[in-house]
Amino acid sequence: MIRKIKVTDYPRLIEIWESAVLSTHDFLKEEDFLYYKEQLPVYFQYVILFGFEQEGILIGFMRIAEGNLEMLFITNNY
Protein backbone atom coordinates (compact mmCIF):
# COMPACT_ATOMS: atom_id res chain seq x y z
CA MET A 1 0.00 0.00 0.00
CA ILE A 2 1.26 3.48 -0.84
CA ARG A 3 0.48 6.21 1.67
CA LYS A 4 1.56 9.70 2.63
CA ILE A 5 4.43 9.85 5.13
CA LYS A 6 3.83 11.26 8.62
CA VAL A 7 6.32 12.86 11.00
CA THR A 8 6.14 9.75 13.16
CA ASP A 9 7.56 7.78 10.21
CA TYR A 10 10.80 9.78 10.10
CA PRO A 11 12.87 7.38 12.26
CA ARG A 12 11.86 4.48 9.98
CA LEU A 13 12.63 6.56 6.88
CA ILE A 14 16.13 7.15 8.18
CA GLU A 15 16.57 3.39 8.70
CA ILE A 16 15.37 2.75 5.14
CA TRP A 17 17.59 5.51 3.74
CA GLU A 18 20.62 4.17 5.60
CA SER A 19 20.03 0.60 4.41
CA ALA A 20 19.56 1.67 0.79
CA VAL A 21 22.47 4.10 0.70
CA LEU A 22 24.94 1.71 2.33
CA SER A 23 24.00 -0.90 -0.30
CA THR A 24 24.15 1.34 -3.36
CA HIS A 25 26.27 4.43 -2.73
CA ASP A 26 29.75 2.96 -2.23
CA PHE A 27 31.22 6.19 -3.64
CA LEU A 28 29.88 8.25 -0.72
CA LYS A 29 32.48 9.23 1.86
CA GLU A 30 31.62 8.38 5.47
CA GLU A 31 31.68 12.04 6.50
CA ASP A 32 29.20 12.88 3.72
CA PHE A 33 26.99 9.94 4.66
CA LEU A 34 26.87 11.10 8.28
CA TYR A 35 26.17 14.69 7.24
CA TYR A 36 23.24 13.71 5.01
CA LYS A 37 21.85 11.34 7.63
CA GLU A 38 21.84 14.15 10.19
CA GLN A 39 20.07 16.50 7.76
CA LEU A 40 17.29 14.10 6.75
CA PRO A 41 14.75 15.02 9.46
CA VAL A 42 15.05 18.69 8.49
CA TYR A 43 14.77 17.93 4.77
CA PHE A 44 11.74 15.68 5.28
CA GLN A 45 9.80 18.62 6.73
CA TYR A 46 9.97 20.51 3.43
CA VAL A 47 8.91 17.83 0.96
CA ILE A 48 5.90 15.61 0.42
CA LEU A 49 6.87 11.98 0.74
CA PHE A 50 5.00 8.75 0.13
CA GLY A 51 5.79 5.40 1.67
CA PHE A 52 5.24 1.83 0.57
CA GLU A 53 4.05 -0.67 3.17
CA GLN A 54 4.11 -4.41 2.79
CA GLU A 55 2.27 -6.47 5.40
CA GLY A 56 2.02 -3.36 7.57
CA ILE A 57 5.76 -2.65 7.47
CA LEU A 58 7.13 0.49 5.84
CA ILE A 59 9.80 -0.76 3.43
CA GLY A 60 10.36 2.17 1.10
CA PHE A 61 9.67 5.81 0.45
CA MET A 62 9.63 8.19 -2.48
CA ARG A 63 9.23 11.80 -3.42
CA ILE A 64 7.20 12.83 -6.44
CA ALA A 65 7.40 16.43 -7.65
CA GLU A 66 5.78 17.89 -10.75
CA GLY A 67 4.84 14.41 -11.92
CA ASN A 68 8.40 13.08 -11.66
CA LEU A 69 9.83 10.49 -9.31
CA GLU A 70 12.55 12.54 -7.62
CA MET A 71 13.78 9.99 -5.08
CA LEU A 72 13.19 6.36 -4.22
CA PHE A 73 14.67 4.42 -1.33
CA ILE A 74 13.84 0.81 -0.49
CA THR A 75 15.28 -1.06 2.47
CA ASN A 76 17.99 -3.52 1.49
CA ASN A 77 15.97 -6.39 3.01
CA TYR A 78 13.61 -6.31 0.02
PDB file of N, CA and C in Angstrom:
ATOM      1  N   MET A   1       0.837  -1.173   0.000  1.00  0.00           N
ATOM      2  CA  MET A   1       0.000   0.000   0.000  1.00  0.00           C
ATOM      3  C   MET A   1       0.889   1.245   0.000  1.00  0.00           C
ATOM      4  N   ILE A   2       0.546   2.202  -0.808  1.00  0.00           N
ATOM      5  CA  ILE A   2       1.258   3.479  -0.836  1.00  0.00           C
ATOM      6  C   ILE A   2       0.459   4.478  -0.015  1.00  0.00           C
ATOM      7  N   ARG A   3       1.149   5.220   0.829  1.00  0.00           N
ATOM      8  CA  ARG A   3       0.482   6.209   1.673  1.00  0.00           C
ATOM      9  C   ARG A   3       1.393   7.399   1.904  1.00  0.00           C
ATOM     10  N   LYS A   4       0.791   8.493   2.324  1.00  0.00           N
ATOM     11  CA  LYS A   4       1.556   9.699   2.632  1.00  0.00           C
ATOM     12  C   LYS A   4       2.344   9.474   3.928  1.00  0.00           C
ATOM     13  N   ILE A   5       3.554   9.982   3.960  1.00  0.00           N
ATOM     14  CA  ILE A   5       4.426   9.851   5.129  1.00  0.00           C
ATOM     15  C   ILE A   5       4.022  10.860   6.200  1.00  0.00           C
ATOM     16  N   LYS A   6       4.104  10.409   7.456  1.00  0.00           N
ATOM     17  CA  LYS A   6       3.826  11.259   8.616  1.00  0.00           C
ATOM     18  C   LYS A   6       5.139  11.512   9.367  1.00  0.00           C
ATOM     19  N   VAL A   7       5.132  12.536  10.191  1.00  0.00           N
ATOM     20  CA  VAL A   7       6.320  12.864  10.998  1.00  0.00           C
ATOM     21  C   VAL A   7       6.749  11.666  11.838  1.00  0.00           C
ATOM     22  N   THR A   8       5.809  10.908  12.328  1.00  0.00           N
ATOM     23  CA  THR A   8       6.144   9.751  13.163  1.00  0.00           C
ATOM     24  C   THR A   8       6.864   8.654  12.380  1.00  0.00           C
ATOM     25  N   ASP A   9       6.847   8.743  11.058  1.00  0.00           N
ATOM     26  CA  ASP A   9       7.561   7.776  10.212  1.00  0.00           C
ATOM     27  C   ASP A   9       9.039   8.124  10.041  1.00  0.00           C
ATOM     28  N   TYR A  10       9.439   9.323  10.388  1.00  0.00           N
ATOM     29  CA  TYR A  10      10.804   9.781  10.103  1.00  0.00           C
ATOM     30  C   TYR A  10      11.893   8.829  10.601  1.00  0.00           C
ATOM     31  N   PRO A  11      11.810   8.311  11.835  1.00  0.00           N
ATOM     32  CA  PRO A  11      12.871   7.381  12.256  1.00  0.00           C
ATOM     33  C   PRO A  11      12.981   6.159  11.337  1.00  0.00           C
ATOM     34  N   ARG A  12      11.842   5.637  10.896  1.00  0.00           N
ATOM     35  CA  ARG A  12      11.863   4.483   9.984  1.00  0.00           C
ATOM     36  C   ARG A  12      12.421   4.886   8.618  1.00  0.00           C
ATOM     37  N   LEU A  13      12.087   6.088   8.161  1.00  0.00           N
ATOM     38  CA  LEU A  13      12.629   6.557   6.881  1.00  0.00           C
ATOM     39  C   LEU A  13      14.148   6.625   6.930  1.00  0.00           C
ATOM     40  N   ILE A  14      14.674   7.070   8.042  1.00  0.00           N
ATOM     41  CA  ILE A  14      16.134   7.151   8.181  1.00  0.00           C
ATOM     42  C   ILE A  14      16.744   5.753   8.137  1.00  0.00           C
ATOM     43  N   GLU A  15      16.093   4.776   8.773  1.00  0.00           N
ATOM     44  CA  GLU A  15      16.574   3.390   8.697  1.00  0.00           C
ATOM     45  C   GLU A  15      16.566   2.890   7.251  1.00  0.00           C
ATOM     46  N   ILE A  16      15.482   3.169   6.541  1.00  0.00           N
ATOM     47  CA  ILE A  16      15.370   2.748   5.140  1.00  0.00           C
ATOM     48  C   ILE A  16      16.446   3.430   4.301  1.00  0.00           C
ATOM     49  N   TRP A  17      16.584   4.738   4.486  1.00  0.00           N
ATOM     50  CA  TRP A  17      17.587   5.506   3.739  1.00  0.00           C
ATOM     51  C   TRP A  17      18.981   4.930   3.984  1.00  0.00           C
ATOM     52  N   GLU A  18      19.299   4.687   5.254  1.00  0.00           N
ATOM     53  CA  GLU A  18      20.623   4.169   5.599  1.00  0.00           C
ATOM     54  C   GLU A  18      20.865   2.811   4.940  1.00  0.00           C
ATOM     55  N   SER A  19      19.895   1.920   5.015  1.00  0.00           N
ATOM     56  CA  SER A  19      20.026   0.599   4.408  1.00  0.00           C
ATOM     57  C   SER A  19      20.257   0.704   2.904  1.00  0.00           C
ATOM     58  N   ALA A  20      19.454   1.530   2.247  1.00  0.00           N
ATOM     59  CA  ALA A  20      19.561   1.672   0.792  1.00  0.00           C
ATOM     60  C   ALA A  20      20.876   2.322   0.380  1.00  0.00           C
ATOM     61  N   VAL A  21      21.259   3.369   1.071  1.00  0.00           N
ATOM     62  CA  VAL A  21      22.474   4.101   0.703  1.00  0.00           C
ATOM     63  C   VAL A  21      23.721   3.252   0.945  1.00  0.00           C
ATOM     64  N   LEU A  22      23.766   2.547   2.058  1.00  0.00           N
ATOM     65  CA  LEU A  22      24.935   1.708   2.330  1.00  0.00           C
ATOM     66  C   LEU A  22      25.076   0.590   1.293  1.00  0.00           C
ATOM     67  N   SER A  23      23.964   0.172   0.698  1.00  0.00           N
ATOM     68  CA  SER A  23      24.000  -0.896  -0.300  1.00  0.00           C
ATOM     69  C   SER A  23      24.299  -0.408  -1.712  1.00  0.00           C
ATOM     70  N   THR A  24      24.072   0.873  -1.973  1.00  0.00           N
ATOM     71  CA  THR A  24      24.154   1.343  -3.359  1.00  0.00           C
ATOM     72  C   THR A  24      25.101   2.514  -3.598  1.00  0.00           C
ATOM     73  N   HIS A  25      25.468   3.212  -2.557  1.00  0.00           N
ATOM     74  CA  HIS A  25      26.271   4.431  -2.732  1.00  0.00           C
ATOM     75  C   HIS A  25      27.688   4.228  -2.187  1.00  0.00           C
ATOM     76  N   ASP A  26      28.406   3.261  -2.742  1.00  0.00           N
ATOM     77  CA  ASP A  26      29.745   2.962  -2.233  1.00  0.00           C
ATOM     78  C   ASP A  26      30.744   4.087  -2.502  1.00  0.00           C
ATOM     79  N   PHE A  27      30.370   5.037  -3.332  1.00  0.00           N
ATOM     80  CA  PHE A  27      31.218   6.191  -3.636  1.00  0.00           C
ATOM     81  C   PHE A  27      31.114   7.290  -2.579  1.00  0.00           C
ATOM     82  N   LEU A  28      30.136   7.196  -1.698  1.00  0.00           N
ATOM     83  CA  LEU A  28      29.881   8.246  -0.717  1.00  0.00           C
ATOM     84  C   LEU A  28      30.862   8.129   0.447  1.00  0.00           C
ATOM     85  N   LYS A  29      31.552   9.211   0.735  1.00  0.00           N
ATOM     86  CA  LYS A  29      32.477   9.226   1.862  1.00  0.00           C
ATOM     87  C   LYS A  29      31.686   9.148   3.165  1.00  0.00           C
ATOM     88  N   GLU A  30      32.300   8.539   4.185  1.00  0.00           N
ATOM     89  CA  GLU A  30      31.617   8.377   5.469  1.00  0.00           C
ATOM     90  C   GLU A  30      31.184   9.719   6.052  1.00  0.00           C
ATOM     91  N   GLU A  31      32.033  10.726   5.947  1.00  0.00           N
ATOM     92  CA  GLU A  31      31.676  12.039   6.496  1.00  0.00           C
ATOM     93  C   GLU A  31      30.463  12.629   5.777  1.00  0.00           C
ATOM     94  N   ASP A  32      30.366  12.400   4.471  1.00  0.00           N
ATOM     95  CA  ASP A  32      29.202  12.877   3.716  1.00  0.00           C
ATOM     96  C   ASP A  32      27.951  12.093   4.103  1.00  0.00           C
ATOM     97  N   PHE A  33      28.099  10.787   4.237  1.00  0.00           N
ATOM     98  CA  PHE A  33      26.987   9.941   4.662  1.00  0.00           C
ATOM     99  C   PHE A  33      26.430  10.427   5.999  1.00  0.00           C
ATOM    100  N   LEU A  34      27.306  10.659   6.955  1.00  0.00           N
ATOM    101  CA  LEU A  34      26.871  11.104   8.284  1.00  0.00           C
ATOM    102  C   LEU A  34      26.228  12.482   8.231  1.00  0.00           C
ATOM    103  N   TYR A  35      26.753  13.359   7.396  1.00  0.00           N
ATOM    104  CA  TYR A  35      26.171  14.692   7.237  1.00  0.00           C
ATOM    105  C   TYR A  35      24.745  14.587   6.699  1.00  0.00           C
ATOM    106  N   TYR A  36      24.568  13.842   5.610  1.00  0.00           N
ATOM    107  CA  TYR A  36      23.237  13.710   5.011  1.00  0.00           C
ATOM    108  C   TYR A  36      22.262  13.044   5.974  1.00  0.00           C
ATOM    109  N   LYS A  37      22.724  12.033   6.676  1.00  0.00           N
ATOM    110  CA  LYS A  37      21.855  11.336   7.631  1.00  0.00           C
ATOM    111  C   LYS A  37      21.353  12.302   8.703  1.00  0.00           C
ATOM    112  N   GLU A  38      22.214  13.165   9.163  1.00  0.00           N
ATOM    113  CA  GLU A  38      21.842  14.149  10.186  1.00  0.00           C
ATOM    114  C   GLU A  38      20.836  15.167   9.645  1.00  0.00           C
ATOM    115  N   GLN A  39      20.939  15.491   8.373  1.00  0.00           N
ATOM    116  CA  GLN A  39      20.071  16.503   7.762  1.00  0.00           C
ATOM    117  C   GLN A  39      18.697  15.969   7.352  1.00  0.00           C
ATOM    118  N   LEU A  40      18.536  14.670   7.268  1.00  0.00           N
ATOM    119  CA  LEU A  40      17.292  14.101   6.752  1.00  0.00           C
ATOM    120  C   LEU A  40      16.035  14.582   7.471  1.00  0.00           C
ATOM    121  N   PRO A  41      15.987  14.579   8.808  1.00  0.00           N
ATOM    122  CA  PRO A  41      14.750  15.025   9.465  1.00  0.00           C
ATOM    123  C   PRO A  41      14.364  16.460   9.106  1.00  0.00           C
ATOM    124  N   VAL A  42      15.331  17.310   8.893  1.00  0.00           N
ATOM    125  CA  VAL A  42      15.051  18.692   8.490  1.00  0.00           C
ATOM    126  C   VAL A  42      14.517  18.700   7.061  1.00  0.00           C
ATOM    127  N   TYR A  43      15.173  17.988   6.175  1.00  0.00           N
ATOM    128  CA  TYR A  43      14.766  17.927   4.771  1.00  0.00           C
ATOM    129  C   TYR A  43      13.348  17.374   4.632  1.00  0.00           C
ATOM    130  N   PHE A  44      13.052  16.316   5.373  1.00  0.00           N
ATOM    131  CA  PHE A  44      11.738  15.679   5.283  1.00  0.00           C
ATOM    132  C   PHE A  44      10.603  16.666   5.538  1.00  0.00           C
ATOM    133  N   GLN A  45      10.844  17.654   6.383  1.00  0.00           N
ATOM    134  CA  GLN A  45       9.803  18.624   6.729  1.00  0.00           C
ATOM    135  C   GLN A  45       9.377  19.483   5.542  1.00  0.00           C
ATOM    136  N   TYR A  46      10.212  19.591   4.541  1.00  0.00           N
ATOM    137  CA  TYR A  46       9.973  20.511   3.433  1.00  0.00           C
ATOM    138  C   TYR A  46       9.509  19.845   2.140  1.00  0.00           C
ATOM    139  N   VAL A  47       9.332  18.539   2.167  1.00  0.00           N
ATOM    140  CA  VAL A  47       8.911  17.830   0.960  1.00  0.00           C
ATOM    141  C   VAL A  47       7.739  16.903   1.282  1.00  0.00           C
ATOM    142  N   ILE A  48       6.995  16.573   0.268  1.00  0.00           N
ATOM    143  CA  ILE A  48       5.902  15.613   0.415  1.00  0.00           C
ATOM    144  C   ILE A  48       6.444  14.247   0.028  1.00  0.00           C
ATOM    145  N   LEU A  49       6.337  13.319   0.952  1.00  0.00           N
ATOM    146  CA  LEU A  49       6.867  11.977   0.744  1.00  0.00           C
ATOM    147  C   LEU A  49       5.744  10.952   0.816  1.00  0.00           C
ATOM    148  N   PHE A  50       5.921   9.873   0.086  1.00  0.00           N
ATOM    149  CA  PHE A  50       5.000   8.751   0.130  1.00  0.00           C
ATOM    150  C   PHE A  50       5.787   7.508   0.508  1.00  0.00           C
ATOM    151  N   GLY A  51       5.142   6.627   1.257  1.00  0.00           N
ATOM    152  CA  GLY A  51       5.787   5.398   1.670  1.00  0.00           C
ATOM    153  C   GLY A  51       5.086   4.188   1.096  1.00  0.00           C
ATOM    154  N   PHE A  52       5.812   3.093   1.017  1.00  0.00           N
ATOM    155  CA  PHE A  52       5.244   1.825   0.573  1.00  0.00           C
ATOM    156  C   PHE A  52       5.311   0.849   1.731  1.00  0.00           C
ATOM    157  N   GLU A  53       4.143   0.318   2.101  1.00  0.00           N
ATOM    158  CA  GLU A  53       4.052  -0.671   3.169  1.00  0.00           C
ATOM    159  C   GLU A  53       3.761  -2.041   2.580  1.00  0.00           C
ATOM    160  N   GLN A  54       4.400  -3.030   3.149  1.00  0.00           N
ATOM    161  CA  GLN A  54       4.114  -4.415   2.793  1.00  0.00           C
ATOM    162  C   GLN A  54       3.856  -5.158   4.090  1.00  0.00           C
ATOM    163  N   GLU A  55       2.686  -5.767   4.189  1.00  0.00           N
ATOM    164  CA  GLU A  55       2.273  -6.475   5.404  1.00  0.00           C
ATOM    165  C   GLU A  55       2.388  -5.575   6.628  1.00  0.00           C
ATOM    166  N   GLY A  56       2.025  -4.305   6.465  1.00  0.00           N
ATOM    167  CA  GLY A  56       2.025  -3.356   7.571  1.00  0.00           C
ATOM    168  C   GLY A  56       3.380  -2.788   7.941  1.00  0.00           C
ATOM    169  N   ILE A  57       4.410  -3.126   7.180  1.00  0.00           N
ATOM    170  CA  ILE A  57       5.765  -2.647   7.472  1.00  0.00           C
ATOM    171  C   ILE A  57       6.190  -1.673   6.380  1.00  0.00           C
ATOM    172  N   LEU A  58       6.638  -0.508   6.784  1.00  0.00           N
ATOM    173  CA  LEU A  58       7.131   0.495   5.842  1.00  0.00           C
ATOM    174  C   LEU A  58       8.486   0.034   5.311  1.00  0.00           C
ATOM    175  N   ILE A  59       8.558  -0.226   4.000  1.00  0.00           N
ATOM    176  CA  ILE A  59       9.802  -0.762   3.430  1.00  0.00           C
ATOM    177  C   ILE A  59      10.457   0.166   2.414  1.00  0.00           C
ATOM    178  N   GLY A  60       9.779   1.239   2.059  1.00  0.00           N
ATOM    179  CA  GLY A  60      10.357   2.167   1.098  1.00  0.00           C
ATOM    180  C   GLY A  60       9.654   3.503   1.134  1.00  0.00           C
ATOM    181  N   PHE A  61      10.313   4.500   0.552  1.00  0.00           N
ATOM    182  CA  PHE A  61       9.674   5.808   0.447  1.00  0.00           C
ATOM    183  C   PHE A  61      10.152   6.516  -0.807  1.00  0.00           C
ATOM    184  N   MET A  62       9.342   7.479  -1.238  1.00  0.00           N
ATOM    185  CA  MET A  62       9.626   8.192  -2.476  1.00  0.00           C
ATOM    186  C   MET A  62       9.150   9.628  -2.371  1.00  0.00           C
ATOM    187  N   ARG A  63       9.693  10.432  -3.250  1.00  0.00           N
ATOM    188  CA  ARG A  63       9.234  11.805  -3.421  1.00  0.00           C
ATOM    189  C   ARG A  63       8.855  11.979  -4.881  1.00  0.00           C
ATOM    190  N   ILE A  64       7.670  12.511  -5.094  1.00  0.00           N
ATOM    191  CA  ILE A  64       7.203  12.826  -6.440  1.00  0.00           C
ATOM    192  C   ILE A  64       6.980  14.325  -6.493  1.00  0.00           C
ATOM    193  N   ALA A  65       7.560  14.983  -7.485  1.00  0.00           N
ATOM    194  CA  ALA A  65       7.403  16.430  -7.652  1.00  0.00           C
ATOM    195  C   ALA A  65       7.151  16.720  -9.124  1.00  0.00           C
ATOM    196  N   GLU A  66       6.134  17.499  -9.382  1.00  0.00           N
ATOM    197  CA  GLU A  66       5.777  17.889 -10.752  1.00  0.00           C
ATOM    198  C   GLU A  66       5.644  16.677 -11.670  1.00  0.00           C
ATOM    199  N   GLY A  67       5.067  15.605 -11.128  1.00  0.00           N
ATOM    200  CA  GLY A  67       4.837  14.405 -11.919  1.00  0.00           C
ATOM    201  C   GLY A  67       6.049  13.524 -12.135  1.00  0.00           C
ATOM    202  N   ASN A  68       7.162  13.851 -11.501  1.00  0.00           N
ATOM    203  CA  ASN A  68       8.400  13.079 -11.657  1.00  0.00           C
ATOM    204  C   ASN A  68       8.787  12.398 -10.354  1.00  0.00           C
ATOM    205  N   LEU A  69       9.278  11.182 -10.462  1.00  0.00           N
ATOM    206  CA  LEU A  69       9.826  10.487  -9.310  1.00  0.00           C
ATOM    207  C   LEU A  69      11.195  11.088  -9.029  1.00  0.00           C
ATOM    208  N   GLU A  70      11.311  11.816  -7.940  1.00  0.00           N
ATOM    209  CA  GLU A  70      12.547  12.541  -7.618  1.00  0.00           C
ATOM    210  C   GLU A  70      13.484  11.740  -6.722  1.00  0.00           C
ATOM    211  N   MET A  71      12.936  10.846  -5.921  1.00  0.00           N
ATOM    212  CA  MET A  71      13.783   9.994  -5.083  1.00  0.00           C
ATOM    213  C   MET A  71      13.025   8.718  -4.774  1.00  0.00           C
ATOM    214  N   LEU A  72      13.769   7.648  -4.573  1.00  0.00           N
ATOM    215  CA  LEU A  72      13.194   6.356  -4.223  1.00  0.00           C
ATOM    216  C   LEU A  72      14.215   5.598  -3.395  1.00  0.00           C
ATOM    217  N   PHE A  73      13.813   5.212  -2.203  1.00  0.00           N
ATOM    218  CA  PHE A  73      14.672   4.424  -1.325  1.00  0.00           C
ATOM    219  C   PHE A  73      13.875   3.223  -0.834  1.00  0.00           C
ATOM    220  N   ILE A  74      14.463   2.048  -0.947  1.00  0.00           N
ATOM    221  CA  ILE A  74      13.844   0.811  -0.489  1.00  0.00           C
ATOM    222  C   ILE A  74      14.852   0.105   0.397  1.00  0.00           C
ATOM    223  N   THR A  75      14.378  -0.380   1.545  1.00  0.00           N
ATOM    224  CA  THR A  75      15.280  -1.056   2.467  1.00  0.00           C
ATOM    225  C   THR A  75      15.967  -2.231   1.774  1.00  0.00           C
ATOM    226  N   ASN A  76      17.182  -2.472   2.120  1.00  0.00           N
ATOM    227  CA  ASN A  76      17.991  -3.517   1.493  1.00  0.00           C
ATOM    228  C   ASN A  76      17.408  -4.914   1.720  1.00  0.00           C
ATOM    229  N   ASN A  77      16.552  -5.075   2.716  1.00  0.00           N
ATOM    230  CA  ASN A  77      15.974  -6.388   3.012  1.00  0.00           C
ATOM    231  C   ASN A  77      14.973  -6.847   1.956  1.00  0.00           C
ATOM    232  N   TYR A  78      14.599  -5.970   1.054  1.00  0.00           N
ATOM    233  CA  TYR A  78      13.612  -6.308   0.024  1.00  0.00           C
ATOM    234  C   TYR A  78      14.240  -6.148  -1.305  1.00  0.00           C
TER     235      TYR A  78
END
